[in-house]
Amino acid sequence: MRKGYLVLIYLLIVAVGALIFAHIWLNTKARMDAMRMRELERERMVLVSQIDKLRSRWEYLTSPENLESLARKFGMSLPQTEPKLIVK
């Protein structure tokens, strides 16, 4: 009879240990996933910022007013017709 109780207590201890291990392992995995997601979000925000800077520079450099002022600054003239791009 005592042996049966000892086996039950042993199985209960093993089950509690397995639950504790699973809890710690899953919690650590969730933390690592959250850290990786924060890192990816940070990288995404940096890339979005860089894209916005490039887009604003492109808009600045391609606006007609700025093209004229840049051409005057460097002593050049702009063509009167829109250039045609030929893509092969």
PDB file of N, CA and C in Angstrom:
ATOM      1  N   MET A   1       0.821  -1.196   0.000  1.00  0.00           N
ATOM      2  CA  MET A   1       0.000   0.000   0.000  1.00  0.00           C
ATOM      3  C   MET A   1       0.866   1.261   0.000  1.00  0.00           C
ATOM      4  N   ARG A   2       1.906   1.250   0.821  1.00  0.00           N
ATOM      5  CA  ARG A   2       2.787   2.416   0.878  1.00  0.00           C
ATOM      6  C   ARG A   2       3.516   2.611  -0.444  1.00  0.00           C
ATOM      7  N   LYS A   3       3.830   1.511  -1.089  1.00  0.00           N
ATOM      8  CA  LYS A   3       4.542   1.596  -2.353  1.00  0.00           C
ATOM      9  C   LYS A   3       3.676   2.304  -3.401  1.00  0.00           C
ATOM     10  N   GLY A   4       2.394   2.067  -3.393  1.00  0.00           N
ATOM     11  CA  GLY A   4       1.464   2.723  -4.317  1.00  0.00           C
ATOM     12  C   GLY A   4       1.420   4.223  -4.090  1.00  0.00           C
ATOM     13  N   TYR A   5       1.424   4.634  -2.828  1.00  0.00           N
ATOM     14  CA  TYR A   5       1.432   6.065  -2.510  1.00  0.00           C
ATOM     15  C   TYR A   5       2.741   6.722  -2.956  1.00  0.00           C
ATOM     16  N   LEU A   6       3.840   6.019  -2.749  1.00  0.00           N
ATOM     17  CA  LEU A   6       5.135   6.564  -3.160  1.00  0.00           C
ATOM     18  C   LEU A   6       5.189   6.742  -4.677  1.00  0.00           C
ATOM     19  N   VAL A   7       4.628   5.791  -5.418  1.00  0.00           N
ATOM     20  CA  VAL A   7       4.603   5.896  -6.876  1.00  0.00           C
ATOM     21  C   VAL A   7       3.740   7.084  -7.301  1.00  0.00           C
ATOM     22  N   LEU A   8       2.593   7.263  -6.658  1.00  0.00           N
ATOM     23  CA  LEU A   8       1.727   8.399  -6.980  1.00  0.00           C
ATOM     24  C   LEU A   8       2.412   9.732  -6.667  1.00  0.00           C
ATOM     25  N   ILE A   9       3.080   9.803  -5.519  1.00  0.00           N
ATOM     26  CA  ILE A   9       3.801  11.028  -5.151  1.00  0.00           C
ATOM     27  C   ILE A   9       4.922  11.289  -6.154  1.00  0.00           C
ATOM     28  N   TYR A  10       5.642  10.239  -6.536  1.00  0.00           N
ATOM     29  CA  TYR A  10       6.723  10.376  -7.507  1.00  0.00           C
ATOM     30  C   TYR A  10       6.175  10.876  -8.850  1.00  0.00           C
ATOM     31  N   LEU A  11       5.081  10.290  -9.325  1.00  0.00           N
ATOM     32  CA  LEU A  11       4.479  10.722 -10.586  1.00  0.00           C
ATOM     33  C   LEU A  11       3.984  12.166 -10.501  1.00  0.00           C
ATOM     34  N   LEU A  12       3.440  12.554  -9.357  1.00  0.00           N
ATOM     35  CA  LEU A  12       2.992  13.929  -9.156  1.00  0.00           C
ATOM     36  C   LEU A  12       4.174  14.899  -9.214  1.00  0.00           C
ATOM     37  N   ILE A  13       5.291  14.528  -8.585  1.00  0.00           N
ATOM     38  CA  ILE A  13       6.492  15.369  -8.607  1.00  0.00           C
ATOM     39  C   ILE A  13       7.021  15.499 -10.035  1.00  0.00           C
ATOM     40  N   VAL A  14       7.038  14.387 -10.772  1.00  0.00           N
ATOM     41  CA  VAL A  14       7.508  14.423 -12.160  1.00  0.00           C
ATOM     42  C   VAL A  14       6.587  15.304 -13.004  1.00  0.00           C
ATOM     43  N   ALA A  15       5.286  15.201 -12.810  1.00  0.00           N
ATOM     44  CA  ALA A  15       4.337  16.007 -13.583  1.00  0.00           C
ATOM     45  C   ALA A  15       4.509  17.495 -13.279  1.00  0.00           C
ATOM     46  N   VAL A  16       4.676  17.837 -12.002  1.00  0.00           N
ATOM     47  CA  VAL A  16       4.878  19.240 -11.627  1.00  0.00           C
ATOM     48  C   VAL A  16       6.195  19.751 -12.217  1.00  0.00           C
ATOM     49  N   GLY A  17       7.233  18.938 -12.165  1.00  0.00           N
ATOM     50  CA  GLY A  17       8.517  19.331 -12.759  1.00  0.00           C
ATOM     51  C   GLY A  17       8.401  19.563 -14.254  1.00  0.00           C
ATOM     52  N   ALA A  18       7.661  18.692 -14.933  1.00  0.00           N
ATOM     53  CA  ALA A  18       7.467  18.856 -16.379  1.00  0.00           C
ATOM     54  C   ALA A  18       6.690  20.135 -16.678  1.00  0.00           C
ATOM     55  N   LEU A  19       5.690  20.438 -15.866  1.00  0.00           N
ATOM     56  CA  LEU A  19       4.929  21.674 -16.059  1.00  0.00           C
ATOM     57  C   LEU A  19       5.802  22.907 -15.838  1.00  0.00           C
ATOM     58  N   ILE A  20       6.630  22.866 -14.798  1.00  0.00           N
ATOM     59  CA  ILE A  20       7.530  23.994 -14.528  1.00  0.00           C
ATOM     60  C   ILE A  20       8.510  24.172 -15.685  1.00  0.00           C
ATOM     61  N   PHE A  21       9.083  23.071 -16.150  1.00  0.00           N
ATOM     62  CA  PHE A  21      10.021  23.146 -17.271  1.00  0.00           C
ATOM     63  C   PHE A  21       9.340  23.715 -18.512  1.00  0.00           C
ATOM     64  N   ALA A  22       8.135  23.228 -18.832  1.00  0.00           N
ATOM     65  CA  ALA A  22       7.413  23.709 -20.014  1.00  0.00           C
ATOM     66  C   ALA A  22       7.092  25.194 -19.875  1.00  0.00           C
ATOM     67  N   HIS A  23       6.700  25.616 -18.679  1.00  0.00           N
ATOM     68  CA  HIS A  23       6.384  27.025 -18.448  1.00  0.00           C
ATOM     69  C   HIS A  23       7.616  27.903 -18.676  1.00  0.00           C
ATOM     70  N   ILE A  24       8.741  27.512 -18.100  1.00  0.00           N
ATOM     71  CA  ILE A  24       9.977  28.291 -18.256  1.00  0.00           C
ATOM     72  C   ILE A  24      10.403  28.316 -19.720  1.00  0.00           C
ATOM     73  N   TRP A  25      10.342  27.171 -20.390  1.00  0.00           N
ATOM     74  CA  TRP A  25      10.771  27.093 -21.785  1.00  0.00           C
ATOM     75  C   TRP A  25       9.888  27.946 -22.694  1.00  0.00           C
ATOM     76  N   LEU A  26       8.566  27.844 -22.524  1.00  0.00           N
ATOM     77  CA  LEU A  26       7.653  28.623 -23.355  1.00  0.00           C
ATOM     78  C   LEU A  26       7.764  30.117 -23.064  1.00  0.00           C
ATOM     79  N   ASN A  27       7.959  30.477 -21.796  1.00  0.00           N
ATOM     80  CA  ASN A  27       8.111  31.883 -21.430  1.00  0.00           C
ATOM     81  C   ASN A  27       9.378  32.464 -22.057  1.00  0.00           C
ATOM     82  N   THR A  28      10.469  31.698 -22.017  1.00  0.00           N
ATOM     83  CA  THR A  28      11.717  32.150 -22.627  1.00  0.00           C
ATOM     84  C   THR A  28      11.553  32.295 -24.132  1.00  0.00           C
ATOM     85  N   LYS A  29      10.880  31.340 -24.763  1.00  0.00           N
ATOM     86  CA  LYS A  29      10.652  31.405 -26.205  1.00  0.00           C
ATOM     87  C   LYS A  29       9.801  32.621 -26.557  1.00  0.00           C
ATOM     88  N   ALA A  30       8.782  32.898 -25.778  1.00  0.00           N
ATOM     89  CA  ALA A  30       7.928  34.057 -26.040  1.00  0.00           C
ATOM     90  C   ALA A  30       8.719  35.357 -25.892  1.00  0.00           C
ATOM     91  N   ARG A  31       9.588  35.422 -24.900  1.00  0.00           N
ATOM     92  CA  ARG A  31      10.415  36.627 -24.723  1.00  0.00           C
ATOM     93  C   ARG A  31      11.355  36.820 -25.904  1.00  0.00           C
ATOM     94  N   MET A  32      11.974  35.733 -26.361  1.00  0.00           N
ATOM     95  CA  MET A  32      12.893  35.837 -27.491  1.00  0.00           C
ATOM     96  C   MET A  32      12.142  36.264 -28.760  1.00  0.00           C
ATOM     97  N   ASP A  33      10.944  35.723 -28.962  1.00  0.00           N
ATOM     98  CA  ASP A  33      10.138  36.117 -30.117  1.00  0.00           C
ATOM     99  C   ASP A  33       9.754  37.592 -30.038  1.00  0.00           C
ATOM    100  N   ALA A  34       9.386  38.053 -28.845  1.00  0.00           N
ATOM    101  CA  ALA A  34       9.021  39.462 -28.670  1.00  0.00           C
ATOM    102  C   ALA A  34      10.219  40.367 -28.932  1.00  0.00           C
ATOM    103  N   MET A  35      11.404  39.960 -28.462  1.00  0.00           N
ATOM    104  CA  MET A  35      12.606  40.753 -28.716  1.00  0.00           C
ATOM    105  C   MET A  35      12.889  40.828 -30.211  1.00  0.00           C
ATOM    106  N   ARG A  36      12.752  39.721 -30.906  1.00  0.00           N
ATOM    107  CA  ARG A  36      13.004  39.695 -32.348  1.00  0.00           C
ATOM    108  C   ARG A  36      11.993  40.571 -33.086  1.00  0.00           C
ATOM    109  N   MET A  37      10.734  40.536 -32.666  1.00  0.00           N
ATOM    110  CA  MET A  37       9.720  41.367 -33.307  1.00  0.00           C
ATOM    111  C   MET A  37      10.008  42.850 -33.082  1.00  0.00           C
ATOM    112  N   ARG A  38      10.447  43.217 -31.870  1.00  0.00           N
ATOM    113  CA  ARG A  38      10.810  44.617 -31.606  1.00  0.00           C
ATOM    114  C   ARG A  38      11.986  45.038 -32.476  1.00  0.00           C
ATOM    115  N   GLU A  39      12.968  44.149 -32.625  1.00  0.00           N
ATOM    116  CA  GLU A  39      14.132  44.445 -33.462  1.00  0.00           C
ATOM    117  C   GLU A  39      13.717  44.622 -34.926  1.00  0.00           C
ATOM    118  N   LEU A  40      12.845  43.749 -35.416  1.00  0.00           N
ATOM    119  CA  LEU A  40      12.371  43.871 -36.794  1.00  0.00           C
ATOM    120  C   LEU A  40      11.562  45.154 -36.994  1.00  0.00           C
ATOM    121  N   GLU A  41      10.764  45.520 -36.012  1.00  0.00           N
ATOM    122  CA  GLU A  41       9.982  46.756 -36.105  1.00  0.00           C
ATOM    123  C   GLU A  41      10.903  47.975 -36.136  1.00  0.00           C
ATOM    124  N   ARG A  42      11.961  47.936 -35.323  1.00  0.00           N
ATOM    125  CA  ARG A  42      12.941  49.024 -35.322  1.00  0.00           C
ATOM    126  C   ARG A  42      13.619  49.137 -36.688  1.00  0.00           C
ATOM    127  N   GLU A  43      14.023  48.005 -37.259  1.00  0.00           N
ATOM    128  CA  GLU A  43      14.650  48.007 -38.585  1.00  0.00           C
ATOM    129  C   GLU A  43      13.677  48.516 -39.648  1.00  0.00           C
ATOM    130  N   ARG A  44      12.417  48.142 -39.540  1.00  0.00           N
ATOM    131  CA  ARG A  44      11.409  48.596 -40.495  1.00  0.00           C
ATOM    132  C   ARG A  44      11.239  50.108 -40.414  1.00  0.00           C
ATOM    133  N   MET A  45      11.215  50.644 -39.192  1.00  0.00           N
ATOM    134  CA  MET A  45      11.063  52.088 -39.033  1.00  0.00           C
ATOM    135  C   MET A  45      12.265  52.836 -39.609  1.00  0.00           C
ATOM    136  N   VAL A  46      13.468  52.296 -39.437  1.00  0.00           N
ATOM    137  CA  VAL A  46      14.661  52.924 -40.016  1.00  0.00           C
ATOM    138  C   VAL A  46      14.565  52.918 -41.536  1.00  0.00           C
ATOM    139  N   LEU A  47      14.152  51.794 -42.109  1.00  0.00           N
ATOM    140  CA  LEU A  47      14.022  51.708 -43.563  1.00  0.00           C
ATOM    141  C   LEU A  47      12.947  52.658 -44.089  1.00  0.00           C
ATOM    142  N   VAL A  48      11.829  52.756 -43.385  1.00  0.00           N
ATOM    143  CA  VAL A  48      10.771  53.677 -43.801  1.00  0.00           C
ATOM    144  C   VAL A  48      11.289  55.110 -43.763  1.00  0.00           C
ATOM    145  N   SER A  49      12.041  55.440 -42.730  1.00  0.00           N
ATOM    146  CA  SER A  49      12.613  56.781 -42.619  1.00  0.00           C
ATOM    147  C   SER A  49      13.564  57.065 -43.776  1.00  0.00           C
ATOM    148  N   GLN A  50      14.408  56.102 -44.103  1.00  0.00           N
ATOM    149  CA  GLN A  50      15.347  56.294 -45.212  1.00  0.00           C
ATOM    150  C   GLN A  50      14.612  56.422 -46.546  1.00  0.00           C
ATOM    151  N   ILE A  51      13.567  55.640 -46.738  1.00  0.00           N
ATOM    152  CA  ILE A  51      12.778  55.730 -47.969  1.00  0.00           C
ATOM    153  C   ILE A  51      12.120  57.102 -48.070  1.00  0.00           C
ATOM    154  N   ASP A  52      11.587  57.609 -46.952  1.00  0.00           N
ATOM    155  CA  ASP A  52      10.972  58.937 -46.964  1.00  0.00           C
ATOM    156  C   ASP A  52      11.989  60.019 -47.311  1.00  0.00           C
ATOM    157  N   LYS A  53      13.206  59.905 -46.765  1.00  0.00           N
ATOM    158  CA  LYS A  53      14.247  60.887 -47.086  1.00  0.00           C
ATOM    159  C   LYS A  53      14.588  60.840 -48.570  1.00  0.00           C
ATOM    160  N   LEU A  54      14.758  59.624 -49.106  1.00  0.00           N
ATOM    161  CA  LEU A  54      15.074  59.498 -50.530  1.00  0.00           C
ATOM    162  C   LEU A  54      13.938  60.019 -51.406  1.00  0.00           C
ATOM    163  N   ARG A  55      12.704  59.749 -51.003  1.00  0.00           N
ATOM    164  CA  ARG A  55      11.556  60.220 -51.778  1.00  0.00           C
ATOM    165  C   ARG A  55      11.494  61.743 -51.777  1.00  0.00           C
ATOM    166  N   SER A  56      11.756  62.366 -50.632  1.00  0.00           N
ATOM    167  CA  SER A  56      11.715  63.831 -50.585  1.00  0.00           C
ATOM    168  C   SER A  56      12.858  64.427 -51.405  1.00  0.00           C
ATOM    169  N   ARG A  57      14.032  63.803 -51.369  1.00  0.00           N
ATOM    170  CA  ARG A  57      15.137  64.287 -52.203  1.00  0.00           C
ATOM    171  C   ARG A  57      14.791  64.162 -53.679  1.00  0.00           C
ATOM    172  N   TRP A  58      14.199  63.027 -54.047  1.00  0.00           N
ATOM    173  CA  TRP A  58      13.830  62.808 -55.443  1.00  0.00           C
ATOM    174  C   TRP A  58      12.806  63.849 -55.887  1.00  0.00           C
ATOM    175  N   GLU A  59      11.798  64.107 -55.047  1.00  0.00           N
ATOM    176  CA  GLU A  59      10.786  65.105 -55.386  1.00  0.00           C
ATOM    177  C   GLU A  59      11.414  66.489 -55.491  1.00  0.00           C
ATOM    178  N   TYR A  60      12.358  66.787 -54.616  1.00  0.00           N
ATOM    179  CA  TYR A  60      13.035  68.083 -54.664  1.00  0.00           C
ATOM    180  C   TYR A  60      13.835  68.221 -55.954  1.00  0.00           C
ATOM    181  N   LEU A  61      14.582  67.176 -56.292  1.00  0.00           N
ATOM    182  CA  LEU A  61      15.449  67.261 -57.470  1.00  0.00           C
ATOM    183  C   LEU A  61      14.688  67.190 -58.787  1.00  0.00           C
ATOM    184  N   THR A  62      13.505  66.615 -58.793  1.00  0.00           N
ATOM    185  CA  THR A  62      12.769  66.474 -60.052  1.00  0.00           C
ATOM    186  C   THR A  62      11.683  67.517 -60.230  1.00  0.00           C
ATOM    187  N   SER A  63      11.471  68.382 -59.259  1.00  0.00           N
ATOM    188  CA  SER A  63      10.453  69.415 -59.446  1.00  0.00           C
ATOM    189  C   SER A  63      10.968  70.441 -60.456  1.00  0.00           C
ATOM    190  N   PRO A  64      10.111  70.945 -61.331  1.00  0.00           N
ATOM    191  CA  PRO A  64      10.551  71.868 -62.391  1.00  0.00           C
ATOM    192  C   PRO A  64      11.225  73.132 -61.855  1.00  0.00           C
ATOM    193  N   GLU A  65      10.704  73.684 -60.762  1.00  0.00           N
ATOM    194  CA  GLU A  65      11.294  74.903 -60.214  1.00  0.00           C
ATOM    195  C   GLU A  65      12.728  74.657 -59.764  1.00  0.00           C
ATOM    196  N   ASN A  66      12.942  73.558 -59.095  1.00  0.00           N
ATOM    197  CA  ASN A  66      14.287  73.262 -58.603  1.00  0.00           C
ATOM    198  C   ASN A  66      15.231  72.882 -59.734  1.00  0.00           C
ATOM    199  N   LEU A  67      14.712  72.228 -60.766  1.00  0.00           N
ATOM    200  CA  LEU A  67      15.557  71.911 -61.915  1.00  0.00           C
ATOM    201  C   LEU A  67      16.042  73.189 -62.594  1.00  0.00           C
ATOM    202  N   GLU A  68      15.139  74.154 -62.718  1.00  0.00           N
ATOM    203  CA  GLU A  68      15.534  75.425 -63.334  1.00  0.00           C
ATOM    204  C   GLU A  68      16.576  76.150 -62.493  1.00  0.00           C
ATOM    205  N   SER A  69      16.360  76.173 -61.176  1.00  0.00           N
ATOM    206  CA  SER A  69      17.332  76.869 -60.321  1.00  0.00           C
ATOM    207  C   SER A  69      18.683  76.148 -60.334  1.00  0.00           C
ATOM    208  N   LEU A  70      18.672  74.820 -60.361  1.00  0.00           N
ATOM    209  CA  LEU A  70      19.938  74.084 -60.436  1.00  0.00           C
ATOM    210  C   LEU A  70      20.629  74.322 -61.776  1.00  0.00           C
ATOM    211  N   ALA A  71      19.851  74.381 -62.847  1.00  0.00           N
ATOM    212  CA  ALA A  71      20.440  74.632 -64.165  1.00  0.00           C
ATOM    213  C   ALA A  71      21.071  76.023 -64.206  1.00  0.00           C
ATOM    214  N   ARG A  72      20.369  77.024 -63.652  1.00  0.00           N
ATOM    215  CA  ARG A  72      20.935  78.375 -63.614  1.00  0.00           C
ATOM    216  C   ARG A  72      22.189  78.422 -62.755  1.00  0.00           C
ATOM    217  N   LYS A  73      22.155  77.690 -61.656  1.00  0.00           N
ATOM    218  CA  LYS A  73      23.297  77.684 -60.732  1.00  0.00           C
ATOM    219  C   LYS A  73      24.561  77.169 -61.418  1.00  0.00           C
ATOM    220  N   PHE A  74      24.413  76.165 -62.262  1.00  0.00           N
ATOM    221  CA  PHE A  74      25.572  75.573 -62.927  1.00  0.00           C
ATOM    222  C   PHE A  74      25.748  76.071 -64.364  1.00  0.00           C
ATOM    223  N   GLY A  75      25.028  77.113 -64.732  1.00  0.00           N
ATOM    224  CA  GLY A  75      25.183  77.697 -66.057  1.00  0.00           C
ATOM    225  C   GLY A  75      24.730  76.794 -67.179  1.00  0.00           C
ATOM    226  N   MET A  76      23.671  76.057 -66.963  1.00  0.00           N
ATOM    227  CA  MET A  76      23.153  75.149 -67.981  1.00  0.00           C
ATOM    228  C   MET A  76      21.750  75.600 -68.368  1.00  0.00           C
ATOM    229  N   SER A  77      21.232  75.029 -69.427  1.00  0.00           N
ATOM    230  CA  SER A  77      19.850  75.319 -69.810  1.00  0.00           C
ATOM    231  C   SER A  77      19.091  73.995 -69.932  1.00  0.00           C
ATOM    232  N   LEU A  78      17.812  74.092 -69.662  1.00  0.00           N
ATOM    233  CA  LEU A  78      16.962  72.900 -69.747  1.00  0.00           C
ATOM    234  C   LEU A  78      16.365  72.796 -71.143  1.00  0.00           C
ATOM    235  N   PRO A  79      16.164  71.593 -71.649  1.00  0.00           N
ATOM    236  CA  PRO A  79      15.520  71.455 -72.960  1.00  0.00           C
ATOM    237  C   PRO A  79      14.062  71.905 -72.882  1.00  0.00           C
ATOM    238  N   GLN A  80      13.560  72.424 -73.974  1.00  0.00           N
ATOM    239  CA  GLN A  80      12.184  72.920 -73.991  1.00  0.00           C
ATOM    240  C   GLN A  80      11.166  71.784 -74.090  1.00  0.00           C
ATOM    241  N   THR A  81      11.587  70.644 -74.633  1.00  0.00           N
ATOM    242  CA  THR A  81      10.670  69.511 -74.759  1.00  0.00           C
ATOM    243  C   THR A  81      11.025  68.458 -73.720  1.00  0.00           C
ATOM    244  N   GLU A  82      10.040  67.670 -73.421  1.00  0.00           N
ATOM    245  CA  GLU A  82      10.229  66.587 -72.452  1.00  0.00           C
ATOM    246  C   GLU A  82      11.104  65.509 -73.090  1.00  0.00           C
ATOM    247  N   PRO A  83      12.176  65.085 -72.429  1.00  0.00           N
ATOM    248  CA  PRO A  83      13.018  64.040 -73.019  1.00  0.00           C
ATOM    249  C   PRO A  83      12.275  62.703 -73.066  1.00  0.00           C
ATOM    250  N   LYS A  84      12.550  61.928 -74.104  1.00  0.00           N
ATOM    251  CA  LYS A  84      11.915  60.620 -74.251  1.00  0.00           C
ATOM    252  C   LYS A  84      12.899  59.553 -73.796  1.00  0.00           C
ATOM    253  N   LEU A  85      12.415  58.670 -72.975  1.00  0.00           N
ATOM    254  CA  LEU A  85      13.241  57.565 -72.506  1.00  0.00           C
ATOM    255  C   LEU A  85      13.007  56.362 -73.405  1.00  0.00           C
ATOM    256  N   ILE A  86      14.080  55.815 -73.886  1.00  0.00           N
ATOM    257  CA  ILE A  86      13.990  54.617 -74.721  1.00  0.00           C
ATOM    258  C   ILE A  86      14.537  53.454 -73.905  1.00  0.00           C
ATOM    259  N   VAL A  87      13.676  52.512 -73.631  1.00  0.00           N
ATOM    260  CA  VAL A  87      14.065  51.354 -72.833  1.00  0.00           C
ATOM    261  C   VAL A  87      14.128  50.150 -73.747  1.00  0.00           C
ATOM    262  N   LYS A  88      15.266  49.503 -73.756  1.00  0.00           N
ATOM    263  CA  LYS A  88      15.427  48.321 -74.609  1.00  0.00           C
ATOM    264  C   LYS A  88      15.284  47.071 -73.784  1.00  0.00           C
TER     265      LYS A  88
END
